[in-house]
Amino acid sequence: MAAHAAHTEERPRMRLDDHLPVDHRLNLVYRVGAGLIGGFLVAFGILGLINHIGFFDTGGNSVAGLNSNGTLSVLSICIGALLLVGMVIGGNFASTLNMVLGVLFLLNGFLFLGLLDTDSNFLAFKIQNVLFSFVVGLLLMTFGMYGRVGSTLPHDNPYWRARHPEAVQQEERRQAAAPGDRALRGPEDMRRRGME
């Protein structure tokens, strides 16, 4: 058995609930994603309730091309309202909410794919509902993860900075040592210099 060297130095870990600056441009992406999908879900749910479809009816009533019943309509309104709240709050809350609900939509799609044409299909899902659930799940996850994950995040990204504290400290020392040098360079030069 080989002995492994114990690492006594703990590397700071990034937490997903770190706060972005209030005016950070990623905040707009999280809000738009939550707002668009939340608005559609609320409209879908309201249209389903207006049609007076029974709560557990599996008779094949459709709304906007998707099969629906009263339970699915109420559930859509609740999830849509939650996404709209995320849009209003914004920031990391909206991002995390988008990611979590995206995963739940994907899992829901797989669950009801297995329940198609069974008596347990209490939300009256058809294949178009399953596909819609997959698409919405992927969209929500994309909106939620935008700017948080990836190999080419810019160096001014708060998530990149949290994952690379040594590089951030080195860049701050370099900027403090040559304050006049920074004034001569544009932001693009500084970004390119940070990538070297």
C-alpha atoms as a PDB file:
ATOM      1  CA  MET A   1       0.000   0.000   0.000  1.00  0.00           C
ATOM      2  CA  ALA A   2       1.360   3.384  -0.936  1.00  0.00           C
ATOM      3  CA  ALA A   3       1.278   6.179   1.562  1.00  0.00           C
ATOM      4  CA  HIS A   4      -0.358   9.377   0.401  1.00  0.00           C
ATOM      5  CA  ALA A   5       0.781  12.777   1.585  1.00  0.00           C
ATOM      6  CA  ALA A   6      -1.833  14.452   3.680  1.00  0.00           C
ATOM      7  CA  HIS A   7      -2.863  17.872   2.479  1.00  0.00           C
ATOM      8  CA  THR A   8      -3.067  20.187   5.444  1.00  0.00           C
ATOM      9  CA  GLU A   9      -3.801  23.296   3.417  1.00  0.00           C
ATOM     10  CA  GLU A  10      -7.509  23.714   2.689  1.00  0.00           C
ATOM     11  CA  ARG A  11      -8.392  25.331  -0.575  1.00  0.00           C
ATOM     12  CA  PRO A  12     -11.290  27.789  -0.331  1.00  0.00           C
ATOM     13  CA  ARG A  13     -14.381  26.329  -1.918  1.00  0.00           C
ATOM     14  CA  MET A  14     -16.855  28.279  -3.990  1.00  0.00           C
ATOM     15  CA  ARG A  15     -20.381  28.434  -2.669  1.00  0.00           C
ATOM     16  CA  LEU A  16     -23.281  28.793  -5.066  1.00  0.00           C
ATOM     17  CA  ASP A  17     -24.967  31.303  -2.775  1.00  0.00           C
ATOM     18  CA  ASP A  18     -22.209  33.930  -3.005  1.00  0.00           C
ATOM     19  CA  HIS A  19     -23.778  37.260  -3.892  1.00  0.00           C
ATOM     20  CA  LEU A  20     -23.237  38.929  -7.223  1.00  0.00           C
ATOM     21  CA  PRO A  21     -22.962  42.684  -7.370  1.00  0.00           C
ATOM     22  CA  VAL A  22     -26.412  44.220  -7.739  1.00  0.00           C
ATOM     23  CA  ASP A  23     -25.719  45.586 -11.198  1.00  0.00           C
ATOM     24  CA  HIS A  24     -23.885  42.534 -12.556  1.00  0.00           C
ATOM     25  CA  ARG A  25     -24.890  41.720 -16.137  1.00  0.00           C
ATOM     26  CA  LEU A  26     -25.573  38.041 -15.343  1.00  0.00           C
ATOM     27  CA  ASN A  27     -28.492  39.114 -13.182  1.00  0.00           C
ATOM     28  CA  LEU A  28     -30.428  40.095 -16.323  1.00  0.00           C
ATOM     29  CA  VAL A  29     -30.021  36.615 -17.835  1.00  0.00           C
ATOM     30  CA  TYR A  30     -31.336  34.920 -14.689  1.00  0.00           C
ATOM     31  CA  ARG A  31     -34.299  37.284 -14.507  1.00  0.00           C
ATOM     32  CA  VAL A  32     -35.234  36.998 -18.191  1.00  0.00           C
ATOM     33  CA  GLY A  33     -35.119  33.198 -18.064  1.00  0.00           C
ATOM     34  CA  ALA A  34     -37.282  32.999 -14.966  1.00  0.00           C
ATOM     35  CA  GLY A  35     -39.710  35.631 -16.261  1.00  0.00           C
ATOM     36  CA  LEU A  36     -40.280  34.165 -19.726  1.00  0.00           C
ATOM     37  CA  ILE A  37     -40.848  30.616 -18.599  1.00  0.00           C
ATOM     38  CA  GLY A  38     -42.795  31.674 -15.501  1.00  0.00           C
ATOM     39  CA  GLY A  39     -45.092  33.882 -17.592  1.00  0.00           C
ATOM     40  CA  PHE A  40     -45.784  31.067 -20.036  1.00  0.00           C
ATOM     41  CA  LEU A  41     -46.560  28.601 -17.235  1.00  0.00           C
ATOM     42  CA  VAL A  42     -48.952  31.030 -15.541  1.00  0.00           C
ATOM     43  CA  ALA A  43     -50.741  31.701 -18.851  1.00  0.00           C
ATOM     44  CA  PHE A  44     -50.962  27.954 -19.566  1.00  0.00           C
ATOM     45  CA  GLY A  45     -52.406  27.305 -16.117  1.00  0.00           C
ATOM     46  CA  ILE A  46     -54.960  30.114 -16.361  1.00  0.00           C
ATOM     47  CA  LEU A  47     -56.114  28.914 -19.788  1.00  0.00           C
ATOM     48  CA  GLY A  48     -56.496  25.416 -18.361  1.00  0.00           C
ATOM     49  CA  LEU A  49     -58.631  26.663 -15.486  1.00  0.00           C
ATOM     50  CA  ILE A  50     -60.781  28.809 -17.779  1.00  0.00           C
ATOM     51  CA  ASN A  51     -61.674  25.695 -19.807  1.00  0.00           C
ATOM     52  CA  HIS A  52     -63.221  24.118 -16.655  1.00  0.00           C
ATOM     53  CA  ILE A  53     -61.308  20.876 -17.050  1.00  0.00           C
ATOM     54  CA  GLY A  54     -61.797  18.445 -14.157  1.00  0.00           C
ATOM     55  CA  PHE A  55     -59.007  18.281 -11.593  1.00  0.00           C
ATOM     56  CA  PHE A  56     -58.020  14.674 -12.261  1.00  0.00           C
ATOM     57  CA  ASP A  57     -59.642  14.336 -15.681  1.00  0.00           C
ATOM     58  CA  THR A  58     -57.502  12.333 -18.096  1.00  0.00           C
ATOM     59  CA  GLY A  59     -59.903  12.657 -21.016  1.00  0.00           C
ATOM     60  CA  GLY A  60     -57.531  14.383 -23.408  1.00  0.00           C
ATOM     61  CA  ASN A  61     -58.418  18.078 -23.012  1.00  0.00           C
ATOM     62  CA  SER A  62     -55.725  20.267 -24.509  1.00  0.00           C
ATOM     63  CA  VAL A  63     -54.542  23.814 -23.889  1.00  0.00           C
ATOM     64  CA  ALA A  64     -52.017  25.469 -26.216  1.00  0.00           C
ATOM     65  CA  GLY A  65     -51.264  22.100 -27.827  1.00  0.00           C
ATOM     66  CA  LEU A  66     -50.481  20.399 -24.503  1.00  0.00           C
ATOM     67  CA  ASN A  67     -52.735  17.952 -22.698  1.00  0.00           C
ATOM     68  CA  SER A  68     -54.009  19.327 -19.405  1.00  0.00           C
ATOM     69  CA  ASN A  69     -56.316  18.902 -16.453  1.00  0.00           C
ATOM     70  CA  GLY A  70     -57.166  21.053 -13.428  1.00  0.00           C
ATOM     71  CA  THR A  71     -54.324  19.698 -11.309  1.00  0.00           C
ATOM     72  CA  LEU A  72     -51.718  20.420 -13.975  1.00  0.00           C
ATOM     73  CA  SER A  73     -53.186  23.902 -14.444  1.00  0.00           C
ATOM     74  CA  VAL A  74     -52.921  24.761 -10.740  1.00  0.00           C
ATOM     75  CA  LEU A  75     -49.425  23.259 -10.560  1.00  0.00           C
ATOM     76  CA  SER A  76     -48.369  25.313 -13.604  1.00  0.00           C
ATOM     77  CA  ILE A  77     -49.681  28.515 -12.010  1.00  0.00           C
ATOM     78  CA  CYS A  78     -47.803  27.792  -8.756  1.00  0.00           C
ATOM     79  CA  ILE A  79     -44.501  26.965 -10.478  1.00  0.00           C
ATOM     80  CA  GLY A  80     -44.905  29.942 -12.840  1.00  0.00           C
ATOM     81  CA  ALA A  81     -45.596  32.263  -9.905  1.00  0.00           C
ATOM     82  CA  LEU A  82     -42.495  30.934  -8.133  1.00  0.00           C
ATOM     83  CA  LEU A  83     -40.411  31.690 -11.240  1.00  0.00           C
ATOM     84  CA  LEU A  84     -41.907  35.187 -11.422  1.00  0.00           C
ATOM     85  CA  VAL A  85     -40.926  35.742  -7.780  1.00  0.00           C
ATOM     86  CA  GLY A  86     -37.426  34.607  -8.743  1.00  0.00           C
ATOM     87  CA  MET A  87     -37.466  37.142 -11.565  1.00  0.00           C
ATOM     88  CA  VAL A  88     -38.357  39.934  -9.143  1.00  0.00           C
ATOM     89  CA  ILE A  89     -35.705  38.933  -6.584  1.00  0.00           C
ATOM     90  CA  GLY A  90     -33.037  38.177  -9.220  1.00  0.00           C
ATOM     91  CA  GLY A  91     -29.397  37.477  -8.490  1.00  0.00           C
ATOM     92  CA  ASN A  92     -28.253  34.138  -7.181  1.00  0.00           C
ATOM     93  CA  PHE A  93     -31.740  33.294  -5.978  1.00  0.00           C
ATOM     94  CA  ALA A  94     -33.074  33.398  -9.549  1.00  0.00           C
ATOM     95  CA  SER A  95     -30.079  31.473 -10.853  1.00  0.00           C
ATOM     96  CA  THR A  96     -30.362  28.720  -8.259  1.00  0.00           C
ATOM     97  CA  LEU A  97     -34.146  28.578  -8.631  1.00  0.00           C
ATOM     98  CA  ASN A  98     -33.776  28.189 -12.411  1.00  0.00           C
ATOM     99  CA  MET A  99     -31.276  25.357 -11.967  1.00  0.00           C
ATOM    100  CA  VAL A 100     -33.319  23.490  -9.346  1.00  0.00           C
ATOM    101  CA  LEU A 101     -36.598  23.788 -11.238  1.00  0.00           C
ATOM    102  CA  GLY A 102     -34.827  22.813 -14.461  1.00  0.00           C
ATOM    103  CA  VAL A 103     -33.655  19.569 -12.881  1.00  0.00           C
ATOM    104  CA  LEU A 104     -37.150  18.966 -11.466  1.00  0.00           C
ATOM    105  CA  PHE A 105     -38.719  19.502 -14.910  1.00  0.00           C
ATOM    106  CA  LEU A 106     -36.304  16.967 -16.411  1.00  0.00           C
ATOM    107  CA  LEU A 107     -37.047  14.430 -13.675  1.00  0.00           C
ATOM    108  CA  ASN A 108     -40.769  15.069 -14.122  1.00  0.00           C
ATOM    109  CA  GLY A 109     -40.419  14.394 -17.842  1.00  0.00           C
ATOM    110  CA  PHE A 110     -38.730  11.060 -17.182  1.00  0.00           C
ATOM    111  CA  LEU A 111     -41.295  10.124 -14.526  1.00  0.00           C
ATOM    112  CA  PHE A 112     -44.294  10.808 -16.743  1.00  0.00           C
ATOM    113  CA  LEU A 113     -42.590   9.191 -19.724  1.00  0.00           C
ATOM    114  CA  GLY A 114     -42.782   5.988 -17.697  1.00  0.00           C
ATOM    115  CA  LEU A 115     -46.379   6.705 -16.651  1.00  0.00           C
ATOM    116  CA  LEU A 116     -47.761   7.368 -20.154  1.00  0.00           C
ATOM    117  CA  ASP A 117     -50.932   5.351 -20.889  1.00  0.00           C
ATOM    118  CA  THR A 118     -51.229   4.104 -17.295  1.00  0.00           C
ATOM    119  CA  ASP A 119     -53.826   4.758 -14.617  1.00  0.00           C
ATOM    120  CA  SER A 120     -51.156   6.540 -12.533  1.00  0.00           C
ATOM    121  CA  ASN A 121     -50.871   9.385 -15.065  1.00  0.00           C
ATOM    122  CA  PHE A 122     -52.859  11.784 -12.859  1.00  0.00           C
ATOM    123  CA  LEU A 123     -51.576  14.911 -14.657  1.00  0.00           C
ATOM    124  CA  ALA A 124     -52.901  13.634 -18.040  1.00  0.00           C
ATOM    125  CA  PHE A 125     -49.462  13.819 -19.685  1.00  0.00           C
ATOM    126  CA  LYS A 126     -49.102  12.856 -23.327  1.00  0.00           C
ATOM    127  CA  ILE A 127     -45.845  12.659 -25.261  1.00  0.00           C
ATOM    128  CA  GLN A 128     -46.002  16.375 -26.143  1.00  0.00           C
ATOM    129  CA  ASN A 129     -46.152  17.208 -22.409  1.00  0.00           C
ATOM    130  CA  VAL A 130     -43.102  15.034 -21.777  1.00  0.00           C
ATOM    131  CA  LEU A 131     -41.171  16.757 -24.577  1.00  0.00           C
ATOM    132  CA  PHE A 132     -42.291  20.160 -23.277  1.00  0.00           C
ATOM    133  CA  SER A 133     -41.074  19.212 -19.796  1.00  0.00           C
ATOM    134  CA  PHE A 134     -37.659  18.231 -21.210  1.00  0.00           C
ATOM    135  CA  VAL A 135     -37.346  21.459 -23.223  1.00  0.00           C
ATOM    136  CA  VAL A 136     -38.392  23.699 -20.314  1.00  0.00           C
ATOM    137  CA  GLY A 137     -36.050  21.820 -17.972  1.00  0.00           C
ATOM    138  CA  LEU A 138     -33.094  22.307 -20.300  1.00  0.00           C
ATOM    139  CA  LEU A 139     -33.954  25.981 -20.855  1.00  0.00           C
ATOM    140  CA  LEU A 140     -34.229  26.655 -17.126  1.00  0.00           C
ATOM    141  CA  MET A 141     -30.943  24.883 -16.439  1.00  0.00           C
ATOM    142  CA  THR A 142     -29.260  26.856 -19.224  1.00  0.00           C
ATOM    143  CA  PHE A 143     -30.574  30.167 -17.899  1.00  0.00           C
ATOM    144  CA  GLY A 144     -29.582  29.215 -14.345  1.00  0.00           C
ATOM    145  CA  MET A 145     -26.064  28.023 -15.172  1.00  0.00           C
ATOM    146  CA  TYR A 146     -25.248  30.823 -17.590  1.00  0.00           C
ATOM    147  CA  GLY A 147     -22.117  32.563 -16.370  1.00  0.00           C
ATOM    148  CA  ARG A 148     -21.682  30.169 -13.452  1.00  0.00           C
ATOM    149  CA  VAL A 149     -20.110  27.190 -15.153  1.00  0.00           C
ATOM    150  CA  GLY A 150     -17.837  26.823 -18.145  1.00  0.00           C
ATOM    151  CA  SER A 151     -14.193  26.684 -19.056  1.00  0.00           C
ATOM    152  CA  THR A 152     -14.022  30.132 -20.677  1.00  0.00           C
ATOM    153  CA  LEU A 153     -15.511  32.422 -18.043  1.00  0.00           C
ATOM    154  CA  PRO A 154     -14.044  35.951 -18.187  1.00  0.00           C
ATOM    155  CA  HIS A 155     -11.676  36.856 -15.387  1.00  0.00           C
ATOM    156  CA  ASP A 156     -13.957  39.582 -14.043  1.00  0.00           C
ATOM    157  CA  ASN A 157     -16.702  36.972 -13.492  1.00  0.00           C
ATOM    158  CA  PRO A 158     -17.354  36.599  -9.741  1.00  0.00           C
ATOM    159  CA  TYR A 159     -17.602  32.818 -10.062  1.00  0.00           C
ATOM    160  CA  TRP A 160     -14.244  32.610 -11.855  1.00  0.00           C
ATOM    161  CA  ARG A 161     -12.724  34.827  -9.193  1.00  0.00           C
ATOM    162  CA  ALA A 162     -14.085  32.590  -6.417  1.00  0.00           C
ATOM    163  CA  ARG A 163     -12.623  29.482  -8.083  1.00  0.00           C
ATOM    164  CA  HIS A 164      -9.195  31.037  -8.745  1.00  0.00           C
ATOM    165  CA  PRO A 165      -8.265  33.082  -5.647  1.00  0.00           C
ATOM    166  CA  GLU A 166      -4.515  32.743  -6.293  1.00  0.00           C
ATOM    167  CA  ALA A 167      -4.808  34.248  -9.784  1.00  0.00           C
ATOM    168  CA  VAL A 168      -7.004  37.059  -8.426  1.00  0.00           C
ATOM    169  CA  GLN A 169      -4.466  37.906  -5.718  1.00  0.00           C
ATOM    170  CA  GLN A 170      -1.635  37.839  -8.251  1.00  0.00           C
ATOM    171  CA  GLU A 171      -3.555  40.186 -10.568  1.00  0.00           C
ATOM    172  CA  GLU A 172      -4.370  42.552  -7.687  1.00  0.00           C
ATOM    173  CA  ARG A 173      -0.695  42.664  -6.661  1.00  0.00           C
ATOM    174  CA  ARG A 174       0.316  43.343 -10.260  1.00  0.00           C
ATOM    175  CA  GLN A 175      -2.228  46.183 -10.510  1.00  0.00           C
ATOM    176  CA  ALA A 176      -1.146  47.686  -7.181  1.00  0.00           C
ATOM    177  CA  ALA A 177       2.518  47.619  -8.221  1.00  0.00           C
ATOM    178  CA  ALA A 178       1.901  49.466 -11.481  1.00  0.00           C
ATOM    179  CA  PRO A 179      -1.097  51.816 -11.098  1.00  0.00           C
ATOM    180  CA  GLY A 180       0.036  54.055 -13.987  1.00  0.00           C
ATOM    181  CA  ASP A 181       0.471  51.016 -16.219  1.00  0.00           C
ATOM    182  CA  ARG A 182      -3.187  50.108 -15.748  1.00  0.00           C
ATOM    183  CA  ALA A 183      -4.369  53.551 -16.825  1.00  0.00           C
ATOM    184  CA  LEU A 184      -2.533  53.193 -20.148  1.00  0.00           C
ATOM    185  CA  ARG A 185      -4.220  49.886 -20.936  1.00  0.00           C
ATOM    186  CA  GLY A 186      -7.816  49.403 -21.997  1.00  0.00           C
ATOM    187  CA  PRO A 187     -10.092  46.813 -20.419  1.00  0.00           C
ATOM    188  CA  GLU A 188      -9.530  44.407 -23.330  1.00  0.00           C
ATOM    189  CA  ASP A 189      -5.747  44.540 -22.855  1.00  0.00           C
ATOM    190  CA  MET A 190      -6.164  43.839 -19.143  1.00  0.00           C
ATOM    191  CA  ARG A 191      -8.455  40.878 -19.886  1.00  0.00           C
ATOM    192  CA  ARG A 192      -6.012  39.457 -22.434  1.00  0.00           C
ATOM    193  CA  ARG A 193      -3.124  39.956 -20.027  1.00  0.00           C
ATOM    194  CA  GLY A 194      -5.031  38.085 -17.307  1.00  0.00           C
ATOM    195  CA  MET A 195      -5.533  35.074 -19.593  1.00  0.00           C
ATOM    196  CA  GLU A 196      -1.783  34.578 -20.165  1.00  0.00           C
END
